[in-house]
Amino acid sequence: MHDHLTTMNGHLIRDLNNDDRIDQAWYFNGKVFALDTKGKRHKFDVLDQIGDKLRT
């Protein structure tokens, strides 16, 4: 099986990695995940607003 990282997901990962509230971001099995500085894992979609998602 081959995962193809779309341009939009690539931009999302870049934006997540540039956010001070995120320790790391990665792409796995067609989804984008990020680990925040508190150790909580979040799943992101390209249409999600990072700030809104981190508030939950």
PDB file of N, CA and C in Angstrom:
ATOM      1  N   MET A   1       0.847  -1.175   0.000  1.00  0.00           N
ATOM      2  CA  MET A   1       0.000   0.000   0.000  1.00  0.00           C
ATOM      3  C   MET A   1       0.895   1.240   0.000  1.00  0.00           C
ATOM      4  N   HIS A   2       0.480   2.249  -0.712  1.00  0.00           N
ATOM      5  CA  HIS A   2       1.285   3.452  -0.838  1.00  0.00           C
ATOM      6  C   HIS A   2       0.466   4.665  -0.447  1.00  0.00           C
ATOM      7  N   ASP A   3       0.973   5.458   0.481  1.00  0.00           N
ATOM      8  CA  ASP A   3       0.321   6.714   0.863  1.00  0.00           C
ATOM      9  C   ASP A   3       0.927   7.849   0.075  1.00  0.00           C
ATOM     10  N   HIS A   4       0.073   8.682  -0.461  1.00  0.00           N
ATOM     11  CA  HIS A   4       0.539   9.847  -1.200  1.00  0.00           C
ATOM     12  C   HIS A   4       0.187  11.091  -0.398  1.00  0.00           C
ATOM     13  N   LEU A   5       1.198  11.843  -0.030  1.00  0.00           N
ATOM     14  CA  LEU A   5       0.997  13.067   0.736  1.00  0.00           C
ATOM     15  C   LEU A   5       0.578  14.168  -0.225  1.00  0.00           C
ATOM     16  N   THR A   6      -0.654  14.655  -0.066  1.00  0.00           N
ATOM     17  CA  THR A   6      -1.142  15.716  -0.941  1.00  0.00           C
ATOM     18  C   THR A   6      -0.484  17.040  -0.576  1.00  0.00           C
ATOM     19  N   THR A   7      -0.555  17.973  -1.481  1.00  0.00           N
ATOM     20  CA  THR A   7      -0.003  19.310  -1.232  1.00  0.00           C
ATOM     21  C   THR A   7      -0.671  19.949  -0.022  1.00  0.00           C
ATOM     22  N   MET A   8      -1.988  19.810   0.070  1.00  0.00           N
ATOM     23  CA  MET A   8      -2.712  20.417   1.197  1.00  0.00           C
ATOM     24  C   MET A   8      -2.292  19.792   2.531  1.00  0.00           C
ATOM     25  N   ASN A   9      -2.110  18.474   2.566  1.00  0.00           N
ATOM     26  CA  ASN A   9      -1.650  17.828   3.796  1.00  0.00           C
ATOM     27  C   ASN A   9      -0.218  18.247   4.118  1.00  0.00           C
ATOM     28  N   GLY A  10       0.594  18.416   3.099  1.00  0.00           N
ATOM     29  CA  GLY A  10       1.963  18.888   3.318  1.00  0.00           C
ATOM     30  C   GLY A  10       1.987  20.278   3.934  1.00  0.00           C
ATOM     31  N   HIS A  11       1.115  21.152   3.458  1.00  0.00           N
ATOM     32  CA  HIS A  11       1.023  22.500   4.028  1.00  0.00           C
ATOM     33  C   HIS A  11       0.504  22.444   5.464  1.00  0.00           C
ATOM     34  N   LEU A  12      -0.451  21.560   5.716  1.00  0.00           N
ATOM     35  CA  LEU A  12      -0.983  21.405   7.066  1.00  0.00           C
ATOM     36  C   LEU A  12       0.115  20.946   8.024  1.00  0.00           C
ATOM     37  N   ILE A  13       0.900  19.956   7.630  1.00  0.00           N
ATOM     38  CA  ILE A  13       1.992  19.467   8.476  1.00  0.00           C
ATOM     39  C   ILE A  13       3.016  20.571   8.713  1.00  0.00           C
ATOM     40  N   ARG A  14       3.336  21.332   7.683  1.00  0.00           N
ATOM     41  CA  ARG A  14       4.269  22.454   7.835  1.00  0.00           C
ATOM     42  C   ARG A  14       3.720  23.473   8.837  1.00  0.00           C
ATOM     43  N   ASP A  15       2.436  23.825   8.697  1.00  0.00           N
ATOM     44  CA  ASP A  15       1.828  24.791   9.609  1.00  0.00           C
ATOM     45  C   ASP A  15       1.797  24.267  11.044  1.00  0.00           C
ATOM     46  N   LEU A  16       1.521  22.988  11.192  1.00  0.00           N
ATOM     47  CA  LEU A  16       1.518  22.392  12.528  1.00  0.00           C
ATOM     48  C   LEU A  16       2.917  22.414  13.138  1.00  0.00           C
ATOM     49  N   ASN A  17       3.918  22.051  12.357  1.00  0.00           N
ATOM     50  CA  ASN A  17       5.291  22.052  12.870  1.00  0.00           C
ATOM     51  C   ASN A  17       5.785  23.457  13.195  1.00  0.00           C
ATOM     52  N   ASN A  18       5.224  24.465  12.560  1.00  0.00           N
ATOM     53  CA  ASN A  18       5.607  25.852  12.839  1.00  0.00           C
ATOM     54  C   ASN A  18       4.837  26.458  14.007  1.00  0.00           C
ATOM     55  N   ASP A  19       3.848  25.741  14.520  1.00  0.00           N
ATOM     56  CA  ASP A  19       3.035  26.234  15.639  1.00  0.00           C
ATOM     57  C   ASP A  19       3.731  25.894  16.955  1.00  0.00           C
ATOM     58  N   ASP A  20       3.883  26.878  17.835  1.00  0.00           N
ATOM     59  CA  ASP A  20       4.575  26.677  19.117  1.00  0.00           C
ATOM     60  C   ASP A  20       3.850  25.710  20.046  1.00  0.00           C
ATOM     61  N   ARG A  21       2.563  25.482  19.802  1.00  0.00           N
ATOM     62  CA  ARG A  21       1.788  24.583  20.668  1.00  0.00           C
ATOM     63  C   ARG A  21       1.951  23.115  20.277  1.00  0.00           C
ATOM     64  N   ILE A  22       2.631  22.857  19.164  1.00  0.00           N
ATOM     65  CA  ILE A  22       2.788  21.497  18.629  1.00  0.00           C
ATOM     66  C   ILE A  22       4.244  21.048  18.763  1.00  0.00           C
ATOM     67  N   ASP A  23       4.431  19.849  19.324  1.00  0.00           N
ATOM     68  CA  ASP A  23       5.773  19.256  19.417  1.00  0.00           C
ATOM     69  C   ASP A  23       6.164  18.570  18.121  1.00  0.00           C
ATOM     70  N   GLN A  24       5.220  17.829  17.526  1.00  0.00           N
ATOM     71  CA  GLN A  24       5.513  17.123  16.283  1.00  0.00           C
ATOM     72  C   GLN A  24       4.224  16.851  15.524  1.00  0.00           C
ATOM     73  N   ALA A  25       4.358  16.736  14.209  1.00  0.00           N
ATOM     74  CA  ALA A  25       3.221  16.414  13.348  1.00  0.00           C
ATOM     75  C   ALA A  25       3.674  15.370  12.331  1.00  0.00           C
ATOM     76  N   TRP A  26       2.756  14.493  11.943  1.00  0.00           N
ATOM     77  CA  TRP A  26       3.109  13.442  11.005  1.00  0.00           C
ATOM     78  C   TRP A  26       1.874  12.997  10.229  1.00  0.00           C
ATOM     79  N   TYR A  27       2.141  12.274   9.155  1.00  0.00           N
ATOM     80  CA  TYR A  27       1.133  11.722   8.259  1.00  0.00           C
ATOM     81  C   TYR A  27       1.200  10.213   8.358  1.00  0.00           C
ATOM     82  N   PHE A  28       0.056   9.577   8.605  1.00  0.00           N
ATOM     83  CA  PHE A  28       0.026   8.127   8.700  1.00  0.00           C
ATOM     84  C   PHE A  28      -1.316   7.605   8.206  1.00  0.00           C
ATOM     85  N   ASN A  29      -1.269   6.669   7.296  1.00  0.00           N
ATOM     86  CA  ASN A  29      -2.459   5.979   6.825  1.00  0.00           C
ATOM     87  C   ASN A  29      -3.542   6.952   6.333  1.00  0.00           C
ATOM     88  N   GLY A  30      -3.107   7.971   5.607  1.00  0.00           N
ATOM     89  CA  GLY A  30      -4.043   8.921   5.016  1.00  0.00           C
ATOM     90  C   GLY A  30      -4.534  10.012   5.937  1.00  0.00           C
ATOM     91  N   LYS A  31      -3.974  10.091   7.140  1.00  0.00           N
ATOM     92  CA  LYS A  31      -4.421  11.088   8.114  1.00  0.00           C
ATOM     93  C   LYS A  31      -3.231  11.874   8.658  1.00  0.00           C
ATOM     94  N   VAL A  32      -3.501  13.102   9.110  1.00  0.00           N
ATOM     95  CA  VAL A  32      -2.477  13.952   9.708  1.00  0.00           C
ATOM     96  C   VAL A  32      -2.720  13.994  11.212  1.00  0.00           C
ATOM     97  N   PHE A  33      -1.666  13.729  11.963  1.00  0.00           N
ATOM     98  CA  PHE A  33      -1.719  13.744  13.417  1.00  0.00           C
ATOM     99  C   PHE A  33      -0.704  14.742  13.954  1.00  0.00           C
ATOM    100  N   ALA A  34      -0.967  15.234  15.163  1.00  0.00           N
ATOM    101  CA  ALA A  34      -0.017  16.123  15.824  1.00  0.00           C
ATOM    102  C   ALA A  34      -0.049  15.854  17.321  1.00  0.00           C
ATOM    103  N   LEU A  35       1.102  15.997  17.936  1.00  0.00           N
ATOM    104  CA  LEU A  35       1.240  15.860  19.377  1.00  0.00           C
ATOM    105  C   LEU A  35       1.502  17.242  19.945  1.00  0.00           C
ATOM    106  N   ASP A  36       0.609  17.694  20.840  1.00  0.00           N
ATOM    107  CA  ASP A  36       0.801  19.035  21.398  1.00  0.00           C
ATOM    108  C   ASP A  36       1.808  19.009  22.544  1.00  0.00           C
ATOM    109  N   THR A  37       2.154  20.176  23.049  1.00  0.00           N
ATOM    110  CA  THR A  37       3.175  20.282  24.095  1.00  0.00           C
ATOM    111  C   THR A  37       2.721  19.673  25.415  1.00  0.00           C
ATOM    112  N   LYS A  38       1.425  19.390  25.563  1.00  0.00           N
ATOM    113  CA  LYS A  38       0.909  18.747  26.771  1.00  0.00           C
ATOM    114  C   LYS A  38       0.869  17.230  26.628  1.00  0.00           C
ATOM    115  N   GLY A  39       1.276  16.727  25.456  1.00  0.00           N
ATOM    116  CA  GLY A  39       1.314  15.288  25.233  1.00  0.00           C
ATOM    117  C   GLY A  39       0.033  14.709  24.667  1.00  0.00           C
ATOM    118  N   LYS A  40      -0.933  15.549  24.297  1.00  0.00           N
ATOM    119  CA  LYS A  40      -2.195  15.070  23.741  1.00  0.00           C
ATOM    120  C   LYS A  40      -2.086  14.964  22.222  1.00  0.00           C
ATOM    121  N   ARG A  41      -2.563  13.844  21.683  1.00  0.00           N
ATOM    122  CA  ARG A  41      -2.534  13.621  20.233  1.00  0.00           C
ATOM    123  C   ARG A  41      -3.842  14.108  19.620  1.00  0.00           C
ATOM    124  N   HIS A  42      -3.729  14.783  18.491  1.00  0.00           N
ATOM    125  CA  HIS A  42      -4.879  15.309  17.761  1.00  0.00           C
ATOM    126  C   HIS A  42      -4.837  14.807  16.327  1.00  0.00           C
ATOM    127  N   LYS A  43      -6.016  14.547  15.749  1.00  0.00           N
ATOM    128  CA  LYS A  43      -6.126  14.202  14.335  1.00  0.00           C
ATOM    129  C   LYS A  43      -6.651  15.430  13.603  1.00  0.00           C
ATOM    130  N   PHE A  44      -5.994  15.806  12.511  1.00  0.00           N
ATOM    131  CA  PHE A  44      -6.353  16.999  11.763  1.00  0.00           C
ATOM    132  C   PHE A  44      -6.817  16.663  10.362  1.00  0.00           C
ATOM    133  N   ASP A  45      -7.721  17.502   9.872  1.00  0.00           N
ATOM    134  CA  ASP A  45      -8.175  17.476   8.486  1.00  0.00           C
ATOM    135  C   ASP A  45      -7.697  18.773   7.847  1.00  0.00           C
ATOM    136  N   VAL A  46      -7.520  18.781   6.530  1.00  0.00           N
ATOM    137  CA  VAL A  46      -6.996  19.973   5.863  1.00  0.00           C
ATOM    138  C   VAL A  46      -7.896  21.192   6.051  1.00  0.00           C
ATOM    139  N   LEU A  47      -9.165  21.001   6.371  1.00  0.00           N
ATOM    140  CA  LEU A  47     -10.078  22.123   6.564  1.00  0.00           C
ATOM    141  C   LEU A  47     -10.140  22.605   8.004  1.00  0.00           C
ATOM    142  N   ASP A  48      -9.494  21.898   8.922  1.00  0.00           N
ATOM    143  CA  ASP A  48      -9.504  22.292  10.337  1.00  0.00           C
ATOM    144  C   ASP A  48      -8.696  23.560  10.569  1.00  0.00           C
ATOM    145  N   GLN A  49      -9.168  24.371  11.494  1.00  0.00           N
ATOM    146  CA  GLN A  49      -8.406  25.512  11.988  1.00  0.00           C
ATOM    147  C   GLN A  49      -7.589  25.005  13.180  1.00  0.00           C
ATOM    148  N   ILE A  50      -6.292  25.185  13.125  1.00  0.00           N
ATOM    149  CA  ILE A  50      -5.405  24.630  14.154  1.00  0.00           C
ATOM    150  C   ILE A  50      -5.795  25.125  15.544  1.00  0.00           C
ATOM    151  N   GLY A  51      -6.014  26.420  15.688  1.00  0.00           N
ATOM    152  CA  GLY A  51      -6.364  26.980  16.988  1.00  0.00           C
ATOM    153  C   GLY A  51      -7.651  26.416  17.551  1.00  0.00           C
ATOM    154  N   ASP A  52      -8.657  26.237  16.702  1.00  0.00           N
ATOM    155  CA  ASP A  52      -9.932  25.672  17.155  1.00  0.00           C
ATOM    156  C   ASP A  52      -9.759  24.229  17.611  1.00  0.00           C
ATOM    157  N   LYS A  53      -8.983  23.480  16.882  1.00  0.00           N
ATOM    158  CA  LYS A  53      -8.781  22.068  17.190  1.00  0.00           C
ATOM    159  C   LYS A  53      -8.004  21.886  18.505  1.00  0.00           C
ATOM    160  N   LEU A  54      -7.058  22.775  18.780  1.00  0.00           N
ATOM    161  CA  LEU A  54      -6.249  22.645  19.988  1.00  0.00           C
ATOM    162  C   LEU A  54      -6.996  23.076  21.239  1.00  0.00           C
ATOM    163  N   ARG A  55      -8.076  23.805  21.084  1.00  0.00           N
ATOM    164  CA  ARG A  55      -8.881  24.221  22.242  1.00  0.00           C
ATOM    165  C   ARG A  55      -9.705  23.090  22.806  1.00  0.00           C
ATOM    166  N   THR A  56      -9.966  22.060  21.992  1.00  0.00           N
ATOM    167  CA  THR A  56     -10.824  20.963  22.456  1.00  0.00           C
ATOM    168  C   THR A  56     -10.034  19.906  23.177  1.00  0.00           C
TER     169      THR A  56
END
